[in-house]
Amino acid sequence: QVRLVESGGGLVQAGGSLRLSCAASGRTFSTATMGWFRQAPGKAREFVAAISWSSSSTWYVDSVKGRFTISRDNAKNTVYLQMNSLKFEDTAVYYCAAPVSNVLGRWIGDYWGQGTQVTVSS
């Protein structure tokens, strides 16, 4: 059982930055890989990034590599997504998920936050 609450979304101009936070509570967080997904208008939910419990491994969708950085602070039960050089196509509702896993090449999550809106203006 995991409860996830995202924050940090907002409106930003192209080229700008935002940092999203996901506060987690529950029994499985300490051992779980966590991740971020996003859903743009008219599109399916898309995997963005994931991080192992120890932060020793991270994964990113190709479109955000070099621009986004996922991190976590287990003492605070919080996962972050630093988003730099934002583009219009990054506009979406961003969701935190835990635990996440890659099944047959697709990232999935068991528990989800409510989402936080990121809007990038051009």
C-alpha atoms as a PDB file:
ATOM      1  CA  GLN A   1       0.000   0.000   0.000  1.00  0.00           C
ATOM      2  CA  VAL A   2       1.502   3.280  -1.167  1.00  0.00           C
ATOM      3  CA  ARG A   3       0.125   6.797  -1.175  1.00  0.00           C
ATOM      4  CA  LEU A   4       1.754   9.265  -3.557  1.00  0.00           C
ATOM      5  CA  VAL A   5       1.258  13.014  -3.760  1.00  0.00           C
ATOM      6  CA  GLU A   6       2.873  15.065  -6.515  1.00  0.00           C
ATOM      7  CA  SER A   7       3.627  18.764  -6.437  1.00  0.00           C
ATOM      8  CA  GLY A   8       5.696  21.333  -8.274  1.00  0.00           C
ATOM      9  CA  GLY A   9       3.918  21.607 -11.582  1.00  0.00           C
ATOM     10  CA  GLY A  10       3.089  24.883 -13.187  1.00  0.00           C
ATOM     11  CA  LEU A  11       3.397  27.104 -16.212  1.00  0.00           C
ATOM     12  CA  VAL A  12       6.836  27.709 -17.660  1.00  0.00           C
ATOM     13  CA  GLN A  13       8.205  29.087 -20.902  1.00  0.00           C
ATOM     14  CA  ALA A  14      10.080  26.877 -23.315  1.00  0.00           C
ATOM     15  CA  GLY A  15      13.681  26.551 -22.208  1.00  0.00           C
ATOM     16  CA  GLY A  16      12.779  26.930 -18.558  1.00  0.00           C
ATOM     17  CA  SER A  17      12.940  24.510 -15.659  1.00  0.00           C
ATOM     18  CA  LEU A  18      10.689  22.930 -13.076  1.00  0.00           C
ATOM     19  CA  ARG A  19      11.255  20.456 -10.284  1.00  0.00           C
ATOM     20  CA  LEU A  20       8.500  18.020  -9.454  1.00  0.00           C
ATOM     21  CA  SER A  21       8.249  16.298  -6.096  1.00  0.00           C
ATOM     22  CA  CYS A  22       6.467  13.125  -5.098  1.00  0.00           C
ATOM     23  CA  ALA A  23       5.906  12.465  -1.418  1.00  0.00           C
ATOM     24  CA  ALA A  24       5.337   8.804  -0.665  1.00  0.00           C
ATOM     25  CA  SER A  25       4.019   6.890   2.288  1.00  0.00           C
ATOM     26  CA  GLY A  26       3.383   3.224   2.798  1.00  0.00           C
ATOM     27  CA  ARG A  27       5.047  -0.073   3.461  1.00  0.00           C
ATOM     28  CA  THR A  28       6.585  -0.781   0.055  1.00  0.00           C
ATOM     29  CA  PHE A  29       8.353   2.489  -0.624  1.00  0.00           C
ATOM     30  CA  SER A  30      11.663   1.596   1.008  1.00  0.00           C
ATOM     31  CA  THR A  31      12.315  -1.242  -1.407  1.00  0.00           C
ATOM     32  CA  ALA A  32      10.576   0.018  -4.493  1.00  0.00           C
ATOM     33  CA  THR A  33      11.732   1.398  -7.768  1.00  0.00           C
ATOM     34  CA  MET A  34       9.776   4.586  -8.388  1.00  0.00           C
ATOM     35  CA  GLY A  35       9.049   6.491 -11.510  1.00  0.00           C
ATOM     36  CA  TRP A  36       7.390   9.316 -13.340  1.00  0.00           C
ATOM     37  CA  PHE A  37       4.895   9.091 -16.162  1.00  0.00           C
ATOM     38  CA  ARG A  38       3.106  11.770 -18.121  1.00  0.00           C
ATOM     39  CA  GLN A  39      -0.022  12.088 -20.184  1.00  0.00           C
ATOM     40  CA  ALA A  40      -0.442  14.802 -22.766  1.00  0.00           C
ATOM     41  CA  PRO A  41      -3.830  15.803 -24.185  1.00  0.00           C
ATOM     42  CA  GLY A  42      -5.068  13.210 -26.627  1.00  0.00           C
ATOM     43  CA  LYS A  43      -2.183  10.854 -25.942  1.00  0.00           C
ATOM     44  CA  ALA A  44      -1.664   7.731 -23.885  1.00  0.00           C
ATOM     45  CA  ARG A  45       0.189   7.798 -20.620  1.00  0.00           C
ATOM     46  CA  GLU A  46       3.923   7.643 -21.266  1.00  0.00           C
ATOM     47  CA  PHE A  47       6.841   6.500 -19.153  1.00  0.00           C
ATOM     48  CA  VAL A  48       9.299   9.292 -18.384  1.00  0.00           C
ATOM     49  CA  ALA A  49      11.857   8.151 -15.807  1.00  0.00           C
ATOM     50  CA  ALA A  50      12.496   5.617 -13.062  1.00  0.00           C
ATOM     51  CA  ILE A  51      14.968   5.221 -10.218  1.00  0.00           C
ATOM     52  CA  SER A  52      15.983   2.290  -8.064  1.00  0.00           C
ATOM     53  CA  TRP A  53      15.693   2.393  -4.291  1.00  0.00           C
ATOM     54  CA  SER A  54      19.427   2.973  -3.827  1.00  0.00           C
ATOM     55  CA  SER A  55      19.583   5.500  -6.692  1.00  0.00           C
ATOM     56  CA  SER A  56      22.202   3.278  -8.293  1.00  0.00           C
ATOM     57  CA  SER A  57      20.141   2.916 -11.457  1.00  0.00           C
ATOM     58  CA  THR A  58      18.042   5.336 -13.441  1.00  0.00           C
ATOM     59  CA  TRP A  59      16.092   4.989 -16.644  1.00  0.00           C
ATOM     60  CA  TYR A  60      14.713   7.627 -19.001  1.00  0.00           C
ATOM     61  CA  VAL A  61      12.645   7.781 -22.106  1.00  0.00           C
ATOM     62  CA  ASP A  62      14.833   8.934 -24.982  1.00  0.00           C
ATOM     63  CA  SER A  63      12.981  12.199 -25.449  1.00  0.00           C
ATOM     64  CA  VAL A  64      14.020  13.525 -22.017  1.00  0.00           C
ATOM     65  CA  LYS A  65      17.570  12.187 -21.748  1.00  0.00           C
ATOM     66  CA  GLY A  66      20.010  14.969 -20.979  1.00  0.00           C
ATOM     67  CA  ARG A  67      17.222  17.303 -19.892  1.00  0.00           C
ATOM     68  CA  PHE A  68      15.451  15.544 -17.017  1.00  0.00           C
ATOM     69  CA  THR A  69      17.006  14.072 -13.892  1.00  0.00           C
ATOM     70  CA  ILE A  70      15.227  11.767 -11.491  1.00  0.00           C
ATOM     71  CA  SER A  71      16.437  11.554  -7.905  1.00  0.00           C
ATOM     72  CA  ARG A  72      15.182  10.464  -4.522  1.00  0.00           C
ATOM     73  CA  ASP A  73      15.680  11.094  -0.845  1.00  0.00           C
ATOM     74  CA  ASN A  74      14.641   7.996   1.034  1.00  0.00           C
ATOM     75  CA  ALA A  75      14.929   9.737   4.396  1.00  0.00           C
ATOM     76  CA  LYS A  76      12.183  12.081   3.209  1.00  0.00           C
ATOM     77  CA  ASN A  77      10.278   9.422   1.272  1.00  0.00           C
ATOM     78  CA  THR A  78      10.388  11.747  -1.689  1.00  0.00           C
ATOM     79  CA  VAL A  79      11.212  11.368  -5.367  1.00  0.00           C
ATOM     80  CA  TYR A  80      12.045  14.320  -7.588  1.00  0.00           C
ATOM     81  CA  LEU A  81      12.057  15.056 -11.272  1.00  0.00           C
ATOM     82  CA  GLN A  82      14.245  17.971 -12.278  1.00  0.00           C
ATOM     83  CA  MET A  83      13.147  19.146 -15.702  1.00  0.00           C
ATOM     84  CA  ASN A  84      15.432  21.476 -17.619  1.00  0.00           C
ATOM     85  CA  SER A  85      15.315  22.870 -21.136  1.00  0.00           C
ATOM     86  CA  LEU A  86      11.599  22.282 -21.226  1.00  0.00           C
ATOM     87  CA  LYS A  87       9.886  22.018 -24.572  1.00  0.00           C
ATOM     88  CA  PHE A  88       6.299  22.561 -25.598  1.00  0.00           C
ATOM     89  CA  GLU A  89       5.941  18.829 -26.164  1.00  0.00           C
ATOM     90  CA  ASP A  90       6.716  18.222 -22.489  1.00  0.00           C
ATOM     91  CA  THR A  91       3.314  19.680 -21.642  1.00  0.00           C
ATOM     92  CA  ALA A  92       1.363  17.001 -19.795  1.00  0.00           C
ATOM     93  CA  VAL A  93       0.003  15.877 -16.490  1.00  0.00           C
ATOM     94  CA  TYR A  94       2.902  14.234 -14.681  1.00  0.00           C
ATOM     95  CA  TYR A  95       2.212  11.281 -12.417  1.00  0.00           C
ATOM     96  CA  CYS A  96       4.380   9.607  -9.838  1.00  0.00           C
ATOM     97  CA  ALA A  97       4.130   5.830  -9.579  1.00  0.00           C
ATOM     98  CA  ALA A  98       5.401   3.161  -7.200  1.00  0.00           C
ATOM     99  CA  PRO A  99       6.553   0.519  -7.420  1.00  0.00           C
ATOM    100  CA  VAL A 100       7.373   0.502 -11.093  1.00  0.00           C
ATOM    101  CA  SER A 101       8.728  -2.297 -13.202  1.00  0.00           C
ATOM    102  CA  ASN A 102       9.514  -3.026 -16.814  1.00  0.00           C
ATOM    103  CA  VAL A 103       7.386  -5.824 -18.187  1.00  0.00           C
ATOM    104  CA  LEU A 104       8.066  -6.977 -21.738  1.00  0.00           C
ATOM    105  CA  GLY A 105       9.667  -3.650 -22.525  1.00  0.00           C
ATOM    106  CA  ARG A 106       6.928  -1.500 -21.032  1.00  0.00           C
ATOM    107  CA  TRP A 107       7.109   0.367 -17.744  1.00  0.00           C
ATOM    108  CA  ILE A 108       4.150  -0.085 -15.430  1.00  0.00           C
ATOM    109  CA  GLY A 109       3.237   1.192 -11.992  1.00  0.00           C
ATOM    110  CA  ASP A 110       1.155  -0.269  -9.202  1.00  0.00           C
ATOM    111  CA  TYR A 111       0.182   2.877  -7.303  1.00  0.00           C
ATOM    112  CA  TRP A 112      -0.303   6.370  -8.653  1.00  0.00           C
ATOM    113  CA  GLY A 113      -0.440   9.915  -7.440  1.00  0.00           C
ATOM    114  CA  GLN A 114      -3.094  12.410  -8.461  1.00  0.00           C
ATOM    115  CA  GLY A 115      -0.877  14.105 -11.017  1.00  0.00           C
ATOM    116  CA  THR A 116       0.515  17.596 -11.386  1.00  0.00           C
ATOM    117  CA  GLN A 117       0.071  19.743 -14.475  1.00  0.00           C
ATOM    118  CA  VAL A 118       3.123  20.947 -16.363  1.00  0.00           C
ATOM    119  CA  THR A 119       2.424  23.464 -19.098  1.00  0.00           C
ATOM    120  CA  VAL A 120       5.226  24.713 -21.332  1.00  0.00           C
ATOM    121  CA  SER A 121       4.425  27.736 -23.431  1.00  0.00           C
ATOM    122  CA  SER A 122       6.099  28.354 -26.758  1.00  0.00           C
END
